[in-house]
Amino acid sequence: MVGHVSKNILLLFFLYFVQGLPYGIHVGFLPIYLRVQGISLTNIGLFKLLLTPWLCKVMWAPLVDKYGTKRTWLIWSMMGLLTMCAAGACITPSQIVLLCVVTFLLNFFAATQDIAVDSIAIKMLNTEELSIGNTAQVVGYKIGSIFGGGVLIWLSQYTGWSGLFLILTGLYIEAVLFVYVSPVLSQMDEKEKQEKAENLQRTEAGSHSMKDHEHCNHSHNSAGHRHLEKHFPCTGHSHDSNEGTPSKYSSEGGAAKTKLGLIQEILDTPGTKWMMGYVALYKLGEQGAISMLPLFLIDQKISAVDIGFWTGIFGQAVSICGSVLGGWMISHYRLPLWLVLKQLSVCRFLPLGAQLWLTAVWTWGTFSDNILYGLSVASLCFLMFISGMITTVTFTFMMQCSQMAPLNIQATHFTTLATLEVFGKLTFLSVLGFLVDMLGYSLVYILFIVLSVVLLPYLNRCPESLVGDEEEDCKEL
């Protein structure tokens, strides 16, 4: 059992590592590179609109559930990432239009991969494995982001632009081969094919049963004799029985799966509406600070390589430690998730307040730049540590909510929640550069703190469907 769990966790870790590479490139490497080139904060913020596929992936998530297998989608999405990395090696950073196309398609294929991997994780992990599985998810993704962001910034001084993308191309070639030969994924692939074949047979049988039942009812009505029912074998079916009939959203049965019906089924899952609001809000203040402080340091003439190391490599390593600690804590102590999130959200005020102070006093000349730079790095690392803990707990909470959804829409349900999380961050970060250009760093940091404060009363309204019996006792206290 331990070996089986270990194989599953290692597999998820690797898949999320590969998935995190494009995100690290987009939010870690490119903003610092573009700022060094003199691009305005407003335009850098607009560049984040190329993350739109992460926002829109819910539109094609049902296709991943319906057609093919998750392993097939995984392989083809990685092939797409491989192709885009090879294309990136053939262009120069000055070719902005081509750079935008490559970056957009990297995000598109990575978002598609995310749908498949999340579905694999939901089916692979049982309730006891959720915390450690989500730890592997967050840590693997963050290490991928470290490589795609911080490590690439450091390597760029040695390999150049094309060399970086050739390295990424090689990594994706290895990833495709690994997924193709993985025995765990092959077994899941065969099982999924068998399940789909059985579901198709049940759906067709249910469709024929309904047609026979309607034919028999028509015969009874036309004959007008109730005693004839005993001569018709089909009359054993009850009008109220659902056995053998297709579900109301079955695509091969009589009724078509409508988008409105799917949305309603997602919303009807216990706790979903509250969770949607939470995932859209919880990262705004924190993510704004993490995104803006490196650019603030660039404006203070700090070396991009140094910033890449401390914020992209060391800071993310600290964040990974927070993710591991968060996963271990909720797994070992069985703490109420909503309560853990509330306490961690309070802890964020210390580094946010420190960064507000730093952005205000840096230009005063009262303290040396070295002292302020050291405090900036310390506050950012502390914030990223807390962020890592919050992310692991939140994704565990999201997956717990998705497991209450009907089996056939669990991947779409989780993708919907993950999409809303991206929507909150993407919308805010896209206009954040404009706000900083208009208001300055200090006023925007006040906004970060206000957004973090708003989250606290919202956590107190966590619905009972997401609160276990032992958690309800804590909530009453």
Protein backbone atom coordinates (compact mmCIF):
# COMPACT_ATOMS: atom_id res chain seq x y z
CA MET A 1 0.00 0.00 0.00
CA VAL A 2 2.80 2.41 0.91
CA GLY A 3 4.61 1.65 -2.35
CA HIS A 4 1.39 2.18 -4.31
CA VAL A 5 0.80 5.54 -2.61
CA SER A 6 4.42 6.55 -3.17
CA LYS A 7 4.21 5.77 -6.90
CA ASN A 8 1.01 7.79 -7.22
CA ILE A 9 2.47 10.76 -5.34
CA LEU A 10 5.71 10.73 -7.33
CA LEU A 11 3.77 10.53 -10.58
CA LEU A 12 1.59 13.50 -9.63
CA PHE A 13 4.66 15.42 -8.49
CA PHE A 14 6.31 14.94 -11.87
CA LEU A 15 3.20 15.83 -13.88
CA TYR A 16 2.64 19.05 -11.93
CA PHE A 17 6.34 19.93 -12.22
CA VAL A 18 6.08 19.77 -16.02
CA GLN A 19 2.87 21.77 -15.88
CA GLY A 20 4.47 24.52 -13.77
CA LEU A 21 7.22 25.33 -16.29
CA PRO A 22 5.15 27.61 -18.60
CA TYR A 23 3.66 29.44 -15.64
CA GLY A 24 7.13 30.16 -14.26
CA ILE A 25 8.20 31.50 -17.64
CA HIS A 26 5.19 33.79 -17.86
CA VAL A 27 5.02 35.20 -14.33
CA GLY A 28 8.67 34.89 -13.28
CA PHE A 29 11.02 35.19 -16.23
CA LEU A 30 9.18 37.42 -18.72
CA PRO A 31 8.04 40.28 -16.38
CA ILE A 32 11.57 40.85 -15.06
CA TYR A 33 13.03 40.55 -18.54
CA LEU A 34 10.50 43.01 -20.00
CA ARG A 35 10.96 45.48 -17.12
CA VAL A 36 14.73 45.49 -17.64
CA GLN A 37 14.00 46.33 -21.29
CA GLY A 38 12.04 49.39 -20.13
CA ILE A 39 8.51 48.09 -20.72
CA SER A 40 5.91 49.96 -18.62
CA LEU A 41 4.14 48.28 -15.72
CA THR A 42 0.82 48.81 -17.52
CA ASN A 43 2.01 46.85 -20.56
CA ILE A 44 3.57 44.14 -18.40
CA GLY A 45 0.22 43.80 -16.67
CA LEU A 46 -1.58 43.52 -20.00
CA PHE A 47 0.91 40.83 -21.01
CA LYS A 48 -0.71 38.66 -18.34
CA LEU A 49 -3.83 38.51 -20.50
CA LEU A 50 -1.96 35.80 -22.38
CA LEU A 51 -2.84 33.61 -19.37
CA THR A 52 -6.45 33.68 -20.62
CA PRO A 53 -6.45 29.95 -21.55
CA TRP A 54 -6.27 29.19 -17.84
CA LEU A 55 -9.42 31.23 -17.40
CA CYS A 56 -11.25 29.68 -20.36
CA LYS A 57 -10.19 26.04 -19.88
CA VAL A 58 -13.54 25.24 -18.27
CA MET A 59 -15.04 25.62 -21.77
CA TRP A 60 -13.20 22.55 -23.09
CA ALA A 61 -12.93 20.60 -19.82
CA PRO A 62 -16.13 18.63 -20.70
CA LEU A 63 -14.44 17.54 -23.94
CA VAL A 64 -11.56 16.09 -21.93
CA ASP A 65 -14.09 14.23 -19.78
CA LYS A 66 -16.08 12.98 -22.77
CA TYR A 67 -13.62 12.14 -25.56
CA GLY A 68 -10.54 9.95 -25.45
CA THR A 69 -8.73 9.15 -22.22
CA LYS A 70 -6.86 11.39 -19.79
CA ARG A 71 -3.55 9.76 -20.77
CA THR A 72 -4.19 10.58 -24.43
CA TRP A 73 -4.98 14.21 -23.63
CA LEU A 74 -1.87 14.34 -21.45
CA ILE A 75 0.43 13.12 -24.21
CA TRP A 76 -0.99 15.45 -26.88
CA SER A 77 -0.91 18.50 -24.62
CA MET A 78 2.73 17.80 -23.80
CA MET A 79 3.46 17.42 -27.51
CA GLY A 80 1.97 20.87 -27.97
CA LEU A 81 4.20 22.28 -25.21
CA LEU A 82 7.21 20.62 -26.80
CA THR A 83 6.38 22.20 -30.17
CA MET A 84 5.92 25.68 -28.69
CA CYS A 85 9.24 25.50 -26.83
CA ALA A 86 10.96 24.52 -30.07
CA ALA A 87 9.24 27.47 -31.76
CA GLY A 88 10.38 29.78 -28.95
CA ALA A 89 13.99 28.82 -29.66
CA CYS A 90 13.54 30.00 -33.27
CA ILE A 91 12.41 33.55 -32.44
CA THR A 92 13.98 36.52 -30.67
CA PRO A 93 12.48 38.48 -27.74
CA SER A 94 12.22 41.56 -29.94
CA GLN A 95 9.61 39.79 -32.09
CA ILE A 96 6.79 40.75 -29.73
CA VAL A 97 3.90 39.39 -31.81
CA LEU A 98 5.51 35.98 -32.23
CA LEU A 99 6.50 36.00 -28.55
CA CYS A 100 2.86 36.63 -27.62
CA VAL A 101 1.66 33.80 -29.88
CA VAL A 102 4.17 31.32 -28.44
CA THR A 103 3.37 32.36 -24.87
CA PHE A 104 -0.38 32.14 -25.46
CA LEU A 105 -0.13 28.64 -26.95
CA LEU A 106 2.18 27.52 -24.13
CA ASN A 107 -0.55 28.53 -21.70
CA PHE A 108 -3.23 26.85 -23.82
CA PHE A 109 -1.50 23.48 -23.85
CA ALA A 110 -0.50 23.77 -20.19
CA ALA A 111 -4.13 24.53 -19.24
CA THR A 112 -5.31 21.49 -21.21
CA GLN A 113 -2.71 19.36 -19.47
CA ASP A 114 -3.97 20.71 -16.14
CA ILE A 115 -7.50 19.43 -16.85
CA ALA A 116 -6.20 15.93 -17.56
CA VAL A 117 -3.83 15.84 -14.58
CA ASP A 118 -6.47 17.12 -12.15
CA SER A 119 -8.85 14.41 -13.35
CA ILE A 120 -6.15 11.77 -12.88
CA ALA A 121 -5.47 13.07 -9.36
CA ILE A 122 -9.16 13.03 -8.40
CA LYS A 123 -9.51 9.39 -9.52
CA MET A 124 -6.15 8.32 -8.12
CA LEU A 125 -6.40 9.76 -4.60
CA ASN A 126 -8.71 8.56 -1.86
CA THR A 127 -9.79 10.71 1.08
CA GLU A 128 -6.76 9.76 3.22
CA GLU A 129 -4.36 10.68 0.40
CA LEU A 130 -5.86 14.08 -0.40
CA SER A 131 -3.52 16.18 1.75
CA ILE A 132 -0.29 14.49 0.67
CA GLY A 133 -1.52 14.34 -2.93
CA ASN A 134 -2.24 18.07 -2.98
CA THR A 135 1.12 18.71 -1.34
CA ALA A 136 2.74 16.87 -4.25
CA GLN A 137 0.60 18.93 -6.63
CA VAL A 138 1.54 22.30 -5.14
CA VAL A 139 5.21 21.45 -4.54
CA GLY A 140 5.68 19.94 -7.99
CA TYR A 141 4.02 22.93 -9.62
CA LYS A 142 6.12 25.38 -7.62
CA ILE A 143 9.38 23.59 -8.46
CA GLY A 144 8.36 23.75 -12.11
CA SER A 145 7.70 27.47 -11.65
CA ILE A 146 11.10 27.88 -10.00
CA PHE A 147 12.79 26.33 -13.00
CA GLY A 148 10.64 28.24 -15.48
CA GLY A 149 11.17 31.52 -13.62
CA GLY A 150 14.18 31.84 -11.33
CA VAL A 151 16.49 29.22 -12.86
CA LEU A 152 15.89 30.53 -16.38
CA ILE A 153 16.75 34.06 -15.29
CA TRP A 154 20.04 32.77 -13.89
CA LEU A 155 20.75 30.56 -16.95
CA SER A 156 19.98 33.34 -19.42
CA GLN A 157 23.37 34.96 -18.84
CA TYR A 158 25.07 31.74 -20.03
CA THR A 159 22.78 30.13 -22.61
CA GLY A 160 20.99 33.04 -24.24
CA TRP A 161 17.34 33.09 -25.30
CA SER A 162 17.42 30.18 -27.76
CA GLY A 163 19.42 27.99 -25.39
CA LEU A 164 16.76 28.36 -22.69
CA PHE A 165 13.98 27.15 -24.96
CA LEU A 166 16.08 24.29 -26.28
CA ILE A 167 16.56 23.13 -22.69
CA LEU A 168 12.78 23.27 -22.19
CA THR A 169 12.26 21.33 -25.43
CA GLY A 170 14.52 18.56 -24.14
CA LEU A 171 12.61 18.43 -20.85
CA TYR A 172 9.29 18.02 -22.64
CA ILE A 173 10.67 15.25 -24.86
CA GLU A 174 11.58 13.34 -21.70
CA ALA A 175 8.17 14.10 -20.19
CA VAL A 176 6.29 12.71 -23.20
CA LEU A 177 8.35 9.52 -23.14
CA PHE A 178 7.80 9.13 -19.40
CA VAL A 179 4.02 9.48 -19.70
CA TYR A 180 3.94 7.09 -22.66
CA VAL A 181 5.78 4.26 -20.80
CA SER A 182 4.33 4.87 -17.31
CA PRO A 183 2.67 1.62 -16.13
CA VAL A 184 0.42 3.49 -13.68
CA LEU A 185 -0.99 5.71 -16.42
CA SER A 186 -1.30 2.75 -18.79
CA GLN A 187 -3.37 0.85 -16.22
CA MET A 188 -5.59 3.89 -15.62
CA ASP A 189 -5.93 4.29 -19.39
CA GLU A 190 -7.19 0.73 -19.83
CA LYS A 191 -9.54 1.06 -16.87
CA GLU A 192 -10.97 4.31 -18.24
CA LYS A 193 -11.54 2.74 -21.67
CA GLN A 194 -13.34 -0.18 -20.04
CA GLU A 195 -15.50 2.13 -17.91
CA LYS A 196 -16.48 4.20 -20.94
CA ALA A 197 -17.35 1.07 -22.91
CA GLU A 198 -19.52 -0.19 -20.03
CA ASN A 199 -21.22 3.19 -19.68
CA LEU A 200 -21.93 3.21 -23.40
CA GLN A 201 -23.48 -0.25 -23.20
CA ARG A 202 -25.65 0.76 -20.23
CA THR A 203 -26.71 3.93 -22.02
CA GLU A 204 -27.66 2.02 -25.17
CA ALA A 205 -29.47 -0.62 -23.12
CA GLY A 206 -31.34 2.11 -21.28
CA SER A 207 -32.27 3.78 -24.55
CA HIS A 208 -33.64 0.51 -26.00
CA SER A 209 -35.48 -0.17 -22.75
CA MET A 210 -37.19 3.21 -22.89
CA LYS A 211 -38.20 2.67 -26.52
CA ASP A 212 -39.62 -0.80 -25.72
CA HIS A 213 -41.43 0.64 -22.72
CA GLU A 214 -42.99 3.40 -24.82
CA HIS A 215 -44.00 0.85 -27.48
CA CYS A 216 -45.68 -1.34 -24.87
CA ASN A 217 -47.52 1.61 -23.34
CA HIS A 218 -48.78 2.54 -26.78
CA SER A 219 -49.97 -1.07 -27.29
CA HIS A 220 -51.79 -1.07 -23.95
CA ASN A 221 -53.52 2.21 -24.66
CA SER A 222 -54.68 1.12 -28.12
CA ALA A 223 -55.91 -2.29 -26.94
CA GLY A 224 -57.81 -0.85 -24.03
CA HIS A 225 -57.59 -4.10 -21.97
CA ARG A 226 -55.57 -4.11 -18.73
CA HIS A 227 -55.45 -7.95 -18.64
CA LEU A 228 -53.27 -7.94 -21.76
CA GLU A 229 -50.34 -6.62 -19.68
CA LYS A 230 -49.44 -10.12 -18.51
CA HIS A 231 -48.84 -11.16 -22.11
CA PHE A 232 -46.28 -8.41 -22.67
CA PRO A 233 -42.87 -9.07 -21.07
CA CYS A 234 -41.99 -5.38 -21.24
CA THR A 235 -44.73 -4.39 -18.82
CA GLY A 236 -42.62 -5.41 -15.88
CA HIS A 237 -40.94 -1.99 -16.06
CA SER A 238 -42.32 0.60 -13.70
CA HIS A 239 -42.93 4.16 -14.78
CA ASP A 240 -41.07 5.38 -11.70
CA SER A 241 -38.04 3.19 -12.12
CA ASN A 242 -34.74 4.76 -13.25
CA GLU A 243 -32.88 1.49 -13.49
CA GLY A 244 -31.23 1.00 -16.85
CA THR A 245 -32.14 4.46 -18.13
CA PRO A 246 -29.61 7.05 -19.14
CA SER A 247 -28.88 9.98 -16.88
CA LYS A 248 -30.49 13.31 -17.73
CA TYR A 249 -27.14 14.59 -19.02
CA SER A 250 -26.17 11.49 -21.01
CA SER A 251 -24.89 12.46 -24.43
CA GLU A 252 -25.56 9.07 -26.09
CA GLY A 253 -29.01 8.67 -24.52
CA GLY A 254 -32.24 10.40 -25.37
CA ALA A 255 -31.38 13.76 -23.74
CA ALA A 256 -28.39 15.88 -24.73
CA LYS A 257 -26.02 17.26 -22.12
CA THR A 258 -26.65 20.98 -22.20
CA LYS A 259 -24.22 23.55 -20.95
CA LEU A 260 -26.86 25.07 -18.69
CA GLY A 261 -27.60 21.65 -17.22
CA LEU A 262 -23.92 21.02 -16.56
CA ILE A 263 -23.51 24.42 -14.91
CA GLN A 264 -26.54 23.76 -12.72
CA GLU A 265 -25.20 20.35 -11.72
CA ILE A 266 -21.90 21.96 -10.72
CA LEU A 267 -23.65 24.68 -8.72
CA ASP A 268 -25.87 22.11 -6.98
CA THR A 269 -22.81 20.35 -5.54
CA PRO A 270 -22.72 21.12 -1.78
CA GLY A 271 -20.50 24.06 -0.83
CA THR A 272 -19.66 24.97 -4.42
CA LYS A 273 -21.06 28.51 -4.46
CA TRP A 274 -19.17 29.49 -1.31
CA MET A 275 -15.99 27.85 -2.62
CA MET A 276 -16.27 29.78 -5.87
CA GLY A 277 -16.28 33.07 -4.01
CA TYR A 278 -13.38 32.05 -1.82
CA VAL A 279 -11.04 30.88 -4.59
CA ALA A 280 -11.73 34.07 -6.57
CA LEU A 281 -10.73 36.28 -3.60
CA TYR A 282 -8.16 34.54 -1.43
CA LYS A 283 -5.03 35.25 -3.50
CA LEU A 284 -5.60 38.83 -4.61
CA GLY A 285 -3.70 40.84 -1.99
CA GLU A 286 -0.98 38.25 -1.54
CA GLN A 287 -0.40 37.65 -5.24
CA GLY A 288 -0.37 41.36 -5.96
CA ALA A 289 2.43 41.90 -3.44
CA ILE A 290 4.45 38.92 -4.67
CA SER A 291 4.16 40.14 -8.27
CA MET A 292 4.92 43.82 -7.63
CA LEU A 293 7.83 43.70 -5.19
CA PRO A 294 10.36 42.24 -7.71
CA LEU A 295 9.39 44.96 -10.20
CA PHE A 296 9.72 47.58 -7.46
CA LEU A 297 13.24 46.31 -6.79
CA ILE A 298 14.05 46.52 -10.51
CA ASP A 299 12.98 50.19 -10.37
CA GLN A 300 15.42 50.68 -7.47
CA LYS A 301 18.26 49.46 -9.76
CA ILE A 302 18.69 46.07 -8.09
CA SER A 303 20.32 43.46 -10.35
CA ALA A 304 17.81 41.29 -12.26
CA VAL A 305 19.98 38.20 -11.67
CA ASP A 306 19.95 38.84 -7.90
CA ILE A 307 16.21 39.38 -7.93
CA GLY A 308 15.75 36.22 -9.97
CA PHE A 309 17.71 34.23 -7.41
CA TRP A 310 16.12 35.59 -4.24
CA THR A 311 12.53 35.83 -5.48
CA GLY A 312 12.49 33.17 -8.19
CA ILE A 313 14.65 30.43 -6.66
CA PHE A 314 15.15 30.98 -2.94
CA GLY A 315 11.72 32.53 -2.42
CA GLN A 316 9.98 29.70 -4.25
CA ALA A 317 12.02 27.16 -2.29
CA VAL A 318 10.70 28.78 0.90
CA SER A 319 7.20 28.63 -0.57
CA ILE A 320 7.65 24.90 -1.20
CA CYS A 321 8.64 24.43 2.44
CA GLY A 322 5.40 26.19 3.38
CA SER A 323 3.42 23.92 1.06
CA VAL A 324 4.98 20.80 2.58
CA LEU A 325 4.37 22.06 6.11
CA GLY A 326 0.77 22.96 5.28
CA GLY A 327 0.08 19.52 3.83
CA TRP A 328 1.74 17.74 6.75
CA MET A 329 -0.10 19.87 9.29
CA ILE A 330 -3.61 19.21 8.02
CA SER A 331 -2.80 15.53 7.43
CA HIS A 332 -1.15 14.90 10.79
CA TYR A 333 -3.38 16.98 13.05
CA ARG A 334 -6.65 16.73 11.07
CA LEU A 335 -7.21 20.45 11.61
CA PRO A 336 -10.36 22.16 10.27
CA LEU A 337 -9.42 23.54 6.88
CA TRP A 338 -11.45 26.75 7.17
CA LEU A 339 -9.83 27.52 10.53
CA VAL A 340 -6.31 26.88 9.23
CA LEU A 341 -6.98 29.21 6.31
CA LYS A 342 -8.28 31.93 8.62
CA GLN A 343 -5.22 31.80 10.89
CA LEU A 344 -2.81 31.82 7.95
CA SER A 345 -4.66 34.74 6.37
CA VAL A 346 -4.10 36.74 9.55
CA CYS A 347 -0.37 35.94 9.41
CA ARG A 348 -0.13 37.56 5.96
CA PHE A 349 -0.64 41.03 7.43
CA LEU A 350 2.89 41.13 8.88
CA PRO A 351 4.83 40.83 5.57
CA LEU A 352 2.25 42.95 3.72
CA GLY A 353 2.63 45.71 6.29
CA ALA A 354 6.41 45.45 6.10
CA GLN A 355 6.36 45.81 2.32
CA LEU A 356 4.03 48.81 2.55
CA TRP A 357 6.57 50.46 4.87
CA LEU A 358 9.48 49.59 2.55
CA THR A 359 7.85 51.07 -0.54
CA ALA A 360 7.15 54.26 1.40
CA VAL A 361 10.60 54.83 2.99
CA TRP A 362 12.94 53.61 0.24
CA THR A 363 13.16 57.04 -1.41
CA TRP A 364 13.60 58.92 1.86
CA GLY A 365 17.31 58.13 2.09
CA THR A 366 17.03 57.35 5.82
CA PHE A 367 18.23 53.75 5.48
CA SER A 368 20.86 52.24 3.21
CA ASP A 369 19.71 50.39 0.12
CA ASN A 370 21.38 47.19 1.34
CA ILE A 371 19.33 47.17 4.54
CA LEU A 372 16.10 47.88 2.69
CA TYR A 373 16.91 45.25 0.09
CA GLY A 374 17.55 42.65 2.80
CA LEU A 375 14.26 43.51 4.51
CA SER A 376 12.46 43.31 1.17
CA VAL A 377 13.80 39.83 0.50
CA ALA A 378 12.97 38.70 4.06
CA SER A 379 9.40 40.02 3.90
CA LEU A 380 8.83 38.49 0.48
CA CYS A 381 10.15 35.08 1.57
CA PHE A 382 7.94 35.16 4.67
CA LEU A 383 4.92 36.01 2.55
CA MET A 384 5.75 33.24 0.06
CA PHE A 385 6.13 30.75 2.93
CA ILE A 386 2.64 31.58 4.17
CA SER A 387 1.37 31.57 0.58
CA GLY A 388 2.67 28.03 0.11
CA MET A 389 0.79 26.82 3.18
CA ILE A 390 -2.42 28.56 2.12
CA THR A 391 -2.23 27.16 -1.41
CA THR A 392 -1.89 23.54 -0.26
CA VAL A 393 -4.75 23.84 2.22
CA THR A 394 -6.93 25.61 -0.34
CA PHE A 395 -6.40 23.01 -3.08
CA THR A 396 -7.15 20.25 -0.57
CA PHE A 397 -10.36 22.11 0.28
CA MET A 398 -11.21 22.44 -3.44
CA MET A 399 -10.62 18.76 -4.16
CA GLN A 400 -12.68 17.80 -1.11
CA CYS A 401 -15.53 19.87 -2.52
CA SER A 402 -15.13 18.35 -6.02
CA GLN A 403 -15.32 14.82 -4.64
CA MET A 404 -18.88 15.60 -3.53
CA ALA A 405 -19.85 16.25 -7.16
CA PRO A 406 -21.30 13.49 -9.39
CA LEU A 407 -18.53 11.19 -10.60
CA ASN A 408 -18.92 12.06 -14.28
CA ILE A 409 -18.36 15.81 -13.74
CA GLN A 410 -15.71 15.81 -10.99
CA ALA A 411 -12.91 16.86 -13.34
CA THR A 412 -15.07 19.64 -14.77
CA HIS A 413 -16.09 20.71 -11.26
CA PHE A 414 -12.50 20.97 -10.06
CA THR A 415 -11.49 22.71 -13.28
CA THR A 416 -14.27 25.25 -12.72
CA LEU A 417 -12.94 26.06 -9.25
CA ALA A 418 -9.35 26.26 -10.51
CA THR A 419 -10.50 28.50 -13.36
CA LEU A 420 -12.17 30.90 -10.95
CA GLU A 421 -8.94 31.05 -8.95
CA VAL A 422 -7.10 32.03 -12.12
CA PHE A 423 -9.88 34.48 -13.01
CA GLY A 424 -9.45 36.34 -9.74
CA LYS A 425 -5.67 36.57 -10.08
CA LEU A 426 -5.62 37.24 -13.83
CA THR A 427 -8.20 40.03 -13.71
CA PHE A 428 -6.50 41.75 -10.78
CA LEU A 429 -2.92 41.36 -12.05
CA SER A 430 -3.90 42.59 -15.53
CA VAL A 431 -4.95 45.98 -14.16
CA LEU A 432 -2.42 46.07 -11.34
CA GLY A 433 0.37 47.59 -13.43
CA PHE A 434 -1.96 50.40 -14.49
CA LEU A 435 -2.92 51.05 -10.85
CA VAL A 436 0.74 51.26 -9.81
CA ASP A 437 1.55 53.61 -12.69
CA MET A 438 -1.37 55.84 -11.62
CA LEU A 439 -1.26 55.62 -7.81
CA GLY A 440 2.25 54.49 -6.91
CA TYR A 441 3.40 51.41 -5.03
CA SER A 442 2.44 52.51 -1.50
CA LEU A 443 -1.24 53.18 -2.20
CA VAL A 444 -1.56 49.91 -4.07
CA TYR A 445 -0.08 48.04 -1.10
CA ILE A 446 -2.82 49.53 1.06
CA LEU A 447 -5.27 47.96 -1.39
CA PHE A 448 -3.51 44.60 -0.95
CA ILE A 449 -4.05 44.77 2.81
CA VAL A 450 -7.73 45.75 2.45
CA LEU A 451 -8.35 42.78 0.13
CA SER A 452 -6.75 40.46 2.68
CA VAL A 453 -8.92 41.84 5.49
CA VAL A 454 -12.14 41.25 3.52
CA LEU A 455 -11.40 37.52 3.35
CA LEU A 456 -11.60 36.95 7.12
CA PRO A 457 -15.39 37.41 7.63
CA TYR A 458 -15.97 35.39 4.46
CA LEU A 459 -14.16 32.40 5.98
CA ASN A 460 -16.48 32.58 8.99
CA ARG A 461 -19.39 31.88 6.64
CA CYS A 462 -18.02 28.53 5.47
CA PRO A 463 -21.07 26.26 4.83
CA GLU A 464 -21.70 23.19 6.95
CA SER A 465 -21.37 20.90 3.93
CA LEU A 466 -17.64 21.71 3.86
CA VAL A 467 -17.27 21.44 7.63
CA GLY A 468 -16.88 17.98 9.21
CA ASP A 469 -18.51 16.99 12.47
CA GLU A 470 -15.37 17.60 14.48
CA GLU A 471 -14.89 20.90 12.65
CA GLU A 472 -18.37 22.11 13.61
CA ASP A 473 -17.37 21.87 17.25
CA CYS A 474 -14.36 24.09 16.55
CA LYS A 475 -16.54 26.55 14.65
CA GLU A 476 -18.93 26.85 17.59
CA LEU A 477 -15.99 27.73 19.82
